Amino acid sequence: MSNAPQLFATCDYNAPLSTECVAWLCRELTVREKPHVIDLGCGWGQLLVDIVLHLPQSTGTGYDSDQLLIEHATAVVATFANEERITVSVADCTQVTEHSDVLICMGSTHAWPCLEDALTSFEQTLRPEGQLIIGVPYWENSPSDAACHALGTTQDGLPNEISLRTLVTESGFDITGFRASTLAEWDAFEIAWCASRVIWLRENPNRPDFAKYADQLEKHRAMWLDGYRNYLGFAVIVATKPSSTLIAH
């Protein structure tokens, strides 16, 4: 049996998103005729389901490289009344060339060598006047040495808000919405992430992978509380590809 549902049992999304943030996202979307939504790094697919539900006559495809998460996503999609509108598959997100009207990449831009490469890929596959939804980590405050060490990066390894906005616009997009996750949203996500693993460890003391997940939990707590908390931000950006931009063939 897959561990994925249990390891994320108390999480709504695999990112610091609240229901208020997702409602804001939906309000930012322009409803168009029969849009196709692609989610790169879809995880267990909850955000994809929410977006497809919001857009009438839309279809959705989710891709993730993690087999366990796709198994979880398949179960999540099966609870959706119009499940035939959504498919999920295991794939390397950096190799997806399918065109879309709405492109989601929530917290998965690290799959590309750099954010610029990810944005270039998105610009090439998003249809003119299509909308991009990305969730990107950035330095909300000047980072401490502990914050950099926790994330294995440097002060220059992540953008600040100004450079992040600049990267998006210089990649050919018009930003129409920007929302930074609040500290409360971050804490709620981190607490839920840890709680899922605490519950799993309590219920599976004899599993051969018990030590692996116990160590993962301990290290993650330390990274969060003693490292990047109050320094790492998460920006949710909605941007539009101008109609004058042509899709690369």
C-alpha atoms as a PDB file:
ATOM      1  CA  MET A   1       0.000   0.000   0.000  1.00  0.00           C
ATOM      2  CA  SER A   2       1.262   3.480  -0.872  1.00  0.00           C
ATOM      3  CA  ASN A   3       2.512   5.638   2.008  1.00  0.00           C
ATOM      4  CA  ALA A   4       1.650   8.863   0.179  1.00  0.00           C
ATOM      5  CA  PRO A   5      -1.939   9.408   1.428  1.00  0.00           C
ATOM      6  CA  GLN A   6      -0.924   8.767   5.050  1.00  0.00           C
ATOM      7  CA  LEU A   7       2.191  10.951   4.867  1.00  0.00           C
ATOM      8  CA  PHE A   8       0.095  13.912   3.726  1.00  0.00           C
ATOM      9  CA  ALA A   9      -3.144  13.028   5.522  1.00  0.00           C
ATOM     10  CA  THR A  10      -3.406  16.342   7.379  1.00  0.00           C
ATOM     11  CA  CYS A  11      -2.289  18.546   4.453  1.00  0.00           C
ATOM     12  CA  ASP A  12      -4.733  20.175   2.057  1.00  0.00           C
ATOM     13  CA  TYR A  13      -1.972  21.044  -0.413  1.00  0.00           C
ATOM     14  CA  ASN A  14       1.734  20.311  -0.628  1.00  0.00           C
ATOM     15  CA  ALA A  15       2.509  24.031  -0.339  1.00  0.00           C
ATOM     16  CA  PRO A  16       1.698  26.856   2.104  1.00  0.00           C
ATOM     17  CA  LEU A  17      -1.705  27.527   0.562  1.00  0.00           C
ATOM     18  CA  SER A  18      -4.876  28.223   2.494  1.00  0.00           C
ATOM     19  CA  THR A  19      -8.429  27.860   1.248  1.00  0.00           C
ATOM     20  CA  GLU A  20      -8.524  31.677   1.123  1.00  0.00           C
ATOM     21  CA  CYS A  21      -5.486  31.700  -1.168  1.00  0.00           C
ATOM     22  CA  VAL A  22      -7.012  29.116  -3.510  1.00  0.00           C
ATOM     23  CA  ALA A  23     -10.278  31.091  -3.593  1.00  0.00           C
ATOM     24  CA  TRP A  24      -8.252  34.181  -4.544  1.00  0.00           C
ATOM     25  CA  LEU A  25      -6.513  32.165  -7.273  1.00  0.00           C
ATOM     26  CA  CYS A  26      -9.822  31.088  -8.732  1.00  0.00           C
ATOM     27  CA  ARG A  27     -11.075  34.680  -8.788  1.00  0.00           C
ATOM     28  CA  GLU A  28      -7.967  35.703 -10.719  1.00  0.00           C
ATOM     29  CA  LEU A  29      -8.641  33.210 -13.512  1.00  0.00           C
ATOM     30  CA  THR A  30     -10.353  34.276 -16.727  1.00  0.00           C
ATOM     31  CA  VAL A  31     -13.018  31.824 -17.798  1.00  0.00           C
ATOM     32  CA  ARG A  32     -12.598  30.902 -21.469  1.00  0.00           C
ATOM     33  CA  GLU A  33     -14.263  28.306 -23.674  1.00  0.00           C
ATOM     34  CA  LYS A  34     -13.163  24.736 -22.912  1.00  0.00           C
ATOM     35  CA  PRO A  35      -9.776  25.578 -21.407  1.00  0.00           C
ATOM     36  CA  HIS A  36      -7.164  22.897 -20.897  1.00  0.00           C
ATOM     37  CA  VAL A  37      -5.316  23.043 -17.585  1.00  0.00           C
ATOM     38  CA  ILE A  38      -1.905  21.455 -17.030  1.00  0.00           C
ATOM     39  CA  ASP A  39      -0.358  21.073 -13.585  1.00  0.00           C
ATOM     40  CA  LEU A  40       3.392  20.387 -13.592  1.00  0.00           C
ATOM     41  CA  GLY A  41       4.422  18.807 -10.302  1.00  0.00           C
ATOM     42  CA  CYS A  42       0.780  18.183  -9.414  1.00  0.00           C
ATOM     43  CA  GLY A  43       1.497  16.126  -6.275  1.00  0.00           C
ATOM     44  CA  TRP A  44      -1.754  14.496  -5.225  1.00  0.00           C
ATOM     45  CA  GLY A  45      -3.763  16.736  -7.558  1.00  0.00           C
ATOM     46  CA  GLN A  46      -5.963  18.681  -5.159  1.00  0.00           C
ATOM     47  CA  LEU A  47      -5.183  22.101  -6.618  1.00  0.00           C
ATOM     48  CA  LEU A  48      -5.717  20.775 -10.149  1.00  0.00           C
ATOM     49  CA  VAL A  49      -9.127  19.420  -9.136  1.00  0.00           C
ATOM     50  CA  ASP A  50     -10.034  22.757  -7.509  1.00  0.00           C
ATOM     51  CA  ILE A  51      -9.085  24.747 -10.623  1.00  0.00           C
ATOM     52  CA  VAL A  52     -10.889  22.400 -13.036  1.00  0.00           C
ATOM     53  CA  LEU A  53     -13.981  22.508 -10.829  1.00  0.00           C
ATOM     54  CA  HIS A  54     -13.901  26.291 -10.971  1.00  0.00           C
ATOM     55  CA  LEU A  55     -13.577  26.507 -14.763  1.00  0.00           C
ATOM     56  CA  PRO A  56     -16.704  25.260 -16.601  1.00  0.00           C
ATOM     57  CA  GLN A  57     -16.060  22.778 -19.425  1.00  0.00           C
ATOM     58  CA  SER A  58     -12.355  22.646 -18.602  1.00  0.00           C
ATOM     59  CA  THR A  59     -10.157  19.571 -18.727  1.00  0.00           C
ATOM     60  CA  GLY A  60      -7.005  18.958 -16.729  1.00  0.00           C
ATOM     61  CA  THR A  61      -3.821  16.940 -16.883  1.00  0.00           C
ATOM     62  CA  GLY A  62      -1.441  16.557 -13.982  1.00  0.00           C
ATOM     63  CA  TYR A  63       2.149  15.373 -14.153  1.00  0.00           C
ATOM     64  CA  ASP A  64       4.514  14.436 -11.355  1.00  0.00           C
ATOM     65  CA  SER A  65       7.712  12.391 -11.243  1.00  0.00           C
ATOM     66  CA  ASP A  66       6.742  10.756  -7.941  1.00  0.00           C
ATOM     67  CA  GLN A  67       4.897   7.472  -8.526  1.00  0.00           C
ATOM     68  CA  LEU A  68       3.487   7.401  -4.979  1.00  0.00           C
ATOM     69  CA  LEU A  69       2.031  10.892  -5.308  1.00  0.00           C
ATOM     70  CA  ILE A  70       0.451  10.031  -8.652  1.00  0.00           C
ATOM     71  CA  GLU A  71      -1.144   6.959  -7.033  1.00  0.00           C
ATOM     72  CA  HIS A  72      -2.553   9.298  -4.385  1.00  0.00           C
ATOM     73  CA  ALA A  73      -3.667  11.765  -7.084  1.00  0.00           C
ATOM     74  CA  THR A  74      -5.503   8.997  -8.940  1.00  0.00           C
ATOM     75  CA  ALA A  75      -7.518   8.331  -5.783  1.00  0.00           C
ATOM     76  CA  VAL A  76      -8.210  12.058  -5.281  1.00  0.00           C
ATOM     77  CA  VAL A  77      -9.404  12.473  -8.885  1.00  0.00           C
ATOM     78  CA  ALA A  78     -11.665   9.426  -8.491  1.00  0.00           C
ATOM     79  CA  THR A  79     -13.653  11.329  -5.831  1.00  0.00           C
ATOM     80  CA  PHE A  80     -14.359  14.124  -8.347  1.00  0.00           C
ATOM     81  CA  ALA A  81     -17.858  13.820  -9.850  1.00  0.00           C
ATOM     82  CA  ASN A  82     -16.586  14.457 -13.389  1.00  0.00           C
ATOM     83  CA  GLU A  83     -13.370  12.514 -13.018  1.00  0.00           C
ATOM     84  CA  GLU A  84     -13.125  11.859 -16.772  1.00  0.00           C
ATOM     85  CA  ARG A  85     -12.188  15.535 -17.159  1.00  0.00           C
ATOM     86  CA  ILE A  86      -8.884  14.997 -15.314  1.00  0.00           C
ATOM     87  CA  THR A  87      -5.989  12.633 -15.944  1.00  0.00           C
ATOM     88  CA  VAL A  88      -2.747  12.290 -13.978  1.00  0.00           C
ATOM     89  CA  SER A  89       0.466  10.627 -15.095  1.00  0.00           C
ATOM     90  CA  VAL A  90       4.020   9.990 -13.973  1.00  0.00           C
ATOM     91  CA  ALA A  91       6.346  12.177 -16.034  1.00  0.00           C
ATOM     92  CA  ASP A  92       9.426  14.372 -15.909  1.00  0.00           C
ATOM     93  CA  CYS A  93       7.783  17.799 -15.821  1.00  0.00           C
ATOM     94  CA  THR A  94      10.727  19.400 -17.587  1.00  0.00           C
ATOM     95  CA  GLN A  95       9.998  17.267 -20.660  1.00  0.00           C
ATOM     96  CA  VAL A  96       6.279  18.062 -20.991  1.00  0.00           C
ATOM     97  CA  THR A  97       5.621  19.988 -24.209  1.00  0.00           C
ATOM     98  CA  GLU A  98       1.820  19.802 -24.257  1.00  0.00           C
ATOM     99  CA  HIS A  99       0.120  23.162 -24.801  1.00  0.00           C
ATOM    100  CA  SER A 100      -2.317  24.595 -22.268  1.00  0.00           C
ATOM    101  CA  ASP A 101      -4.630  27.517 -21.571  1.00  0.00           C
ATOM    102  CA  VAL A 102      -3.866  27.475 -17.836  1.00  0.00           C
ATOM    103  CA  LEU A 103      -0.485  26.250 -16.629  1.00  0.00           C
ATOM    104  CA  ILE A 104       0.114  25.501 -12.941  1.00  0.00           C
ATOM    105  CA  CYS A 105       3.492  24.902 -11.323  1.00  0.00           C
ATOM    106  CA  MET A 106       3.048  25.198  -7.578  1.00  0.00           C
ATOM    107  CA  GLY A 107       6.350  24.836  -5.755  1.00  0.00           C
ATOM    108  CA  SER A 108       7.940  22.659  -8.447  1.00  0.00           C
ATOM    109  CA  THR A 109      10.064  25.100 -10.452  1.00  0.00           C
ATOM    110  CA  HIS A 110      13.138  23.577  -8.766  1.00  0.00           C
ATOM    111  CA  ALA A 111      12.794  20.685 -11.257  1.00  0.00           C
ATOM    112  CA  TRP A 112      14.411  22.944 -13.859  1.00  0.00           C
ATOM    113  CA  PRO A 113      18.076  24.020 -13.618  1.00  0.00           C
ATOM    114  CA  CYS A 114      16.950  27.543 -12.689  1.00  0.00           C
ATOM    115  CA  LEU A 115      13.799  29.630 -12.504  1.00  0.00           C
ATOM    116  CA  GLU A 116      14.623  31.346 -15.801  1.00  0.00           C
ATOM    117  CA  ASP A 117      14.661  27.966 -17.558  1.00  0.00           C
ATOM    118  CA  ALA A 118      11.310  27.051 -16.010  1.00  0.00           C
ATOM    119  CA  LEU A 119       9.730  30.324 -17.131  1.00  0.00           C
ATOM    120  CA  THR A 120      11.132  29.907 -20.653  1.00  0.00           C
ATOM    121  CA  SER A 121       9.561  26.455 -20.831  1.00  0.00           C
ATOM    122  CA  PHE A 122       6.226  27.797 -19.596  1.00  0.00           C
ATOM    123  CA  GLU A 123       6.277  30.634 -22.133  1.00  0.00           C
ATOM    124  CA  GLN A 124       6.869  28.178 -24.963  1.00  0.00           C
ATOM    125  CA  THR A 125       3.950  25.892 -24.135  1.00  0.00           C
ATOM    126  CA  LEU A 126       1.305  28.269 -22.791  1.00  0.00           C
ATOM    127  CA  ARG A 127      -1.110  29.449 -25.455  1.00  0.00           C
ATOM    128  CA  PRO A 128      -1.430  33.188 -26.196  1.00  0.00           C
ATOM    129  CA  GLU A 129      -3.613  34.891 -23.571  1.00  0.00           C
ATOM    130  CA  GLY A 130      -3.190  31.814 -21.401  1.00  0.00           C
ATOM    131  CA  GLN A 131      -2.661  32.165 -17.670  1.00  0.00           C
ATOM    132  CA  LEU A 132       0.294  30.960 -15.643  1.00  0.00           C
ATOM    133  CA  ILE A 133      -0.069  30.064 -11.955  1.00  0.00           C
ATOM    134  CA  ILE A 134       3.226  29.541 -10.154  1.00  0.00           C
ATOM    135  CA  GLY A 135       4.224  29.177  -6.530  1.00  0.00           C
ATOM    136  CA  VAL A 136       7.841  30.156  -5.994  1.00  0.00           C
ATOM    137  CA  PRO A 137      10.041  30.328  -2.888  1.00  0.00           C
ATOM    138  CA  TYR A 138      11.919  33.586  -2.379  1.00  0.00           C
ATOM    139  CA  TRP A 139      13.723  35.428   0.383  1.00  0.00           C
ATOM    140  CA  GLU A 140      11.040  37.438   2.154  1.00  0.00           C
ATOM    141  CA  ASN A 141      13.667  38.767   4.549  1.00  0.00           C
ATOM    142  CA  SER A 142      17.438  38.866   4.258  1.00  0.00           C
ATOM    143  CA  PRO A 143      18.404  35.309   5.237  1.00  0.00           C
ATOM    144  CA  SER A 144      20.486  34.246   8.196  1.00  0.00           C
ATOM    145  CA  ASP A 145      23.345  31.773   7.838  1.00  0.00           C
ATOM    146  CA  ALA A 146      21.097  29.170   9.476  1.00  0.00           C
ATOM    147  CA  ALA A 147      18.357  29.772   6.899  1.00  0.00           C
ATOM    148  CA  CYS A 148      20.808  29.385   4.012  1.00  0.00           C
ATOM    149  CA  HIS A 149      22.293  26.248   5.567  1.00  0.00           C
ATOM    150  CA  ALA A 150      18.866  24.700   6.132  1.00  0.00           C
ATOM    151  CA  LEU A 151      17.977  25.094   2.463  1.00  0.00           C
ATOM    152  CA  GLY A 152      21.426  24.328   1.103  1.00  0.00           C
ATOM    153  CA  THR A 153      21.652  27.677  -0.680  1.00  0.00           C
ATOM    154  CA  THR A 154      23.066  31.176  -0.344  1.00  0.00           C
ATOM    155  CA  GLN A 155      21.655  34.672  -0.106  1.00  0.00           C
ATOM    156  CA  ASP A 156      21.960  34.874  -3.885  1.00  0.00           C
ATOM    157  CA  GLY A 157      20.508  31.393  -4.374  1.00  0.00           C
ATOM    158  CA  LEU A 158      16.909  32.612  -4.182  1.00  0.00           C
ATOM    159  CA  PRO A 159      15.399  35.847  -5.516  1.00  0.00           C
ATOM    160  CA  ASN A 160      13.846  38.564  -3.411  1.00  0.00           C
ATOM    161  CA  GLU A 161      10.389  39.837  -4.313  1.00  0.00           C
ATOM    162  CA  ILE A 162      11.610  42.550  -6.680  1.00  0.00           C
ATOM    163  CA  SER A 163      13.947  40.261  -8.625  1.00  0.00           C
ATOM    164  CA  LEU A 164      11.257  37.570  -8.736  1.00  0.00           C
ATOM    165  CA  ARG A 165       8.738  39.958 -10.289  1.00  0.00           C
ATOM    166  CA  THR A 166      11.411  41.098 -12.754  1.00  0.00           C
ATOM    167  CA  LEU A 167      12.240  37.521 -13.781  1.00  0.00           C
ATOM    168  CA  VAL A 168       8.597  36.788 -14.544  1.00  0.00           C
ATOM    169  CA  THR A 169       8.020  39.929 -16.616  1.00  0.00           C
ATOM    170  CA  GLU A 170      11.319  39.609 -18.484  1.00  0.00           C
ATOM    171  CA  SER A 171      10.300  36.051 -19.424  1.00  0.00           C
ATOM    172  CA  GLY A 172       7.372  37.389 -21.435  1.00  0.00           C
ATOM    173  CA  PHE A 173       4.522  37.439 -18.924  1.00  0.00           C
ATOM    174  CA  ASP A 174       2.296  40.176 -17.549  1.00  0.00           C
ATOM    175  CA  ILE A 175       1.746  39.724 -13.814  1.00  0.00           C
ATOM    176  CA  THR A 176      -1.934  40.148 -12.963  1.00  0.00           C
ATOM    177  CA  GLY A 177      -1.917  38.803  -9.410  1.00  0.00           C
ATOM    178  CA  PHE A 178       0.675  38.418  -6.652  1.00  0.00           C
ATOM    179  CA  ARG A 179       0.095  36.994  -3.207  1.00  0.00           C
ATOM    180  CA  ALA A 180       2.684  36.136  -0.587  1.00  0.00           C
ATOM    181  CA  SER A 181       1.837  33.313   1.805  1.00  0.00           C
ATOM    182  CA  THR A 182       1.452  34.656   5.318  1.00  0.00           C
ATOM    183  CA  LEU A 183       3.455  33.363   8.258  1.00  0.00           C
ATOM    184  CA  ALA A 184       0.236  31.802   9.559  1.00  0.00           C
ATOM    185  CA  GLU A 185      -0.200  29.933   6.258  1.00  0.00           C
ATOM    186  CA  TRP A 186       3.427  28.788   6.360  1.00  0.00           C
ATOM    187  CA  ASP A 187       3.095  27.585   9.965  1.00  0.00           C
ATOM    188  CA  ALA A 188      -0.191  25.816   9.246  1.00  0.00           C
ATOM    189  CA  PHE A 189       1.404  23.964   6.332  1.00  0.00           C
ATOM    190  CA  GLU A 190       4.527  23.001   8.274  1.00  0.00           C
ATOM    191  CA  ILE A 191       2.506  21.837  11.291  1.00  0.00           C
ATOM    192  CA  ALA A 192       0.228  19.761   9.053  1.00  0.00           C
ATOM    193  CA  TRP A 193       3.216  18.286   7.170  1.00  0.00           C
ATOM    194  CA  CYS A 194       4.856  17.236  10.431  1.00  0.00           C
ATOM    195  CA  ALA A 195       1.595  16.038  11.988  1.00  0.00           C
ATOM    196  CA  SER A 196       0.959  13.626   9.117  1.00  0.00           C
ATOM    197  CA  ARG A 197       4.301  11.975   9.753  1.00  0.00           C
ATOM    198  CA  VAL A 198       3.822  11.898  13.527  1.00  0.00           C
ATOM    199  CA  ILE A 199       0.538  10.052  12.994  1.00  0.00           C
ATOM    200  CA  TRP A 200       2.116   7.673  10.478  1.00  0.00           C
ATOM    201  CA  LEU A 201       5.017   6.881  12.834  1.00  0.00           C
ATOM    202  CA  ARG A 202       2.637   6.243  15.723  1.00  0.00           C
ATOM    203  CA  GLU A 203       0.561   3.864  13.609  1.00  0.00           C
ATOM    204  CA  ASN A 204       3.451   2.063  11.904  1.00  0.00           C
ATOM    205  CA  PRO A 205       6.133   1.365  14.555  1.00  0.00           C
ATOM    206  CA  ASN A 206       7.202  -1.909  12.964  1.00  0.00           C
ATOM    207  CA  ARG A 207       7.517  -0.753   9.370  1.00  0.00           C
ATOM    208  CA  PRO A 208      11.005  -1.215   7.850  1.00  0.00           C
ATOM    209  CA  ASP A 209      10.966   2.417   6.706  1.00  0.00           C
ATOM    210  CA  PHE A 210      10.066   3.725  10.194  1.00  0.00           C
ATOM    211  CA  ALA A 211      13.596   5.012  10.873  1.00  0.00           C
ATOM    212  CA  LYS A 212      13.718   6.766   7.503  1.00  0.00           C
ATOM    213  CA  TYR A 213      10.569   8.775   8.151  1.00  0.00           C
ATOM    214  CA  ALA A 214      11.459   9.452  11.792  1.00  0.00           C
ATOM    215  CA  ASP A 215      14.787  10.922  10.688  1.00  0.00           C
ATOM    216  CA  GLN A 216      13.072  12.899   7.918  1.00  0.00           C
ATOM    217  CA  LEU A 217      10.629  14.393  10.432  1.00  0.00           C
ATOM    218  CA  GLU A 218      13.341  15.376  12.916  1.00  0.00           C
ATOM    219  CA  LYS A 219      15.495  17.029  10.246  1.00  0.00           C
ATOM    220  CA  HIS A 220      12.574  18.854   8.662  1.00  0.00           C
ATOM    221  CA  ARG A 221      11.405  20.296  11.995  1.00  0.00           C
ATOM    222  CA  ALA A 222      14.912  21.615  12.677  1.00  0.00           C
ATOM    223  CA  MET A 223      15.203  23.107   9.173  1.00  0.00           C
ATOM    224  CA  TRP A 224      11.891  24.905   9.607  1.00  0.00           C
ATOM    225  CA  LEU A 225      12.030  26.114  13.207  1.00  0.00           C
ATOM    226  CA  ASP A 226      15.764  26.746  13.513  1.00  0.00           C
ATOM    227  CA  GLY A 227      16.422  27.599   9.889  1.00  0.00           C
ATOM    228  CA  TYR A 228      14.170  29.209   7.302  1.00  0.00           C
ATOM    229  CA  ARG A 229      11.121  30.271   9.360  1.00  0.00           C
ATOM    230  CA  ASN A 230      10.598  34.051   9.040  1.00  0.00           C
ATOM    231  CA  TYR A 231      13.076  34.221   6.152  1.00  0.00           C
ATOM    232  CA  LEU A 232      11.665  32.036   3.393  1.00  0.00           C
ATOM    233  CA  GLY A 233       8.663  33.402   1.563  1.00  0.00           C
ATOM    234  CA  PHE A 234       6.336  31.729  -0.916  1.00  0.00           C
ATOM    235  CA  ALA A 235       4.928  33.821  -3.736  1.00  0.00           C
ATOM    236  CA  VAL A 236       1.809  32.767  -5.612  1.00  0.00           C
ATOM    237  CA  ILE A 237       1.813  34.555  -8.954  1.00  0.00           C
ATOM    238  CA  VAL A 238      -0.825  34.737 -11.670  1.00  0.00           C
ATOM    239  CA  ALA A 239       0.501  35.975 -14.998  1.00  0.00           C
ATOM    240  CA  THR A 240      -0.813  36.209 -18.543  1.00  0.00           C
ATOM    241  CA  LYS A 241       1.004  35.464 -21.769  1.00  0.00           C
ATOM    242  CA  PRO A 242       0.328  38.357 -24.176  1.00  0.00           C
ATOM    243  CA  SER A 243      -1.641  37.498 -27.313  1.00  0.00           C
ATOM    244  CA  SER A 244       1.144  38.820 -29.523  1.00  0.00           C
ATOM    245  CA  THR A 245       3.528  36.085 -28.319  1.00  0.00           C
ATOM    246  CA  LEU A 246       3.674  33.078 -30.601  1.00  0.00           C
ATOM    247  CA  ILE A 247       3.922  29.466 -29.421  1.00  0.00           C
ATOM    248  CA  ALA A 248       7.232  27.856 -30.349  1.00  0.00           C
ATOM    249  CA  HIS A 249       6.896  24.860 -32.652  1.00  0.00           C
END
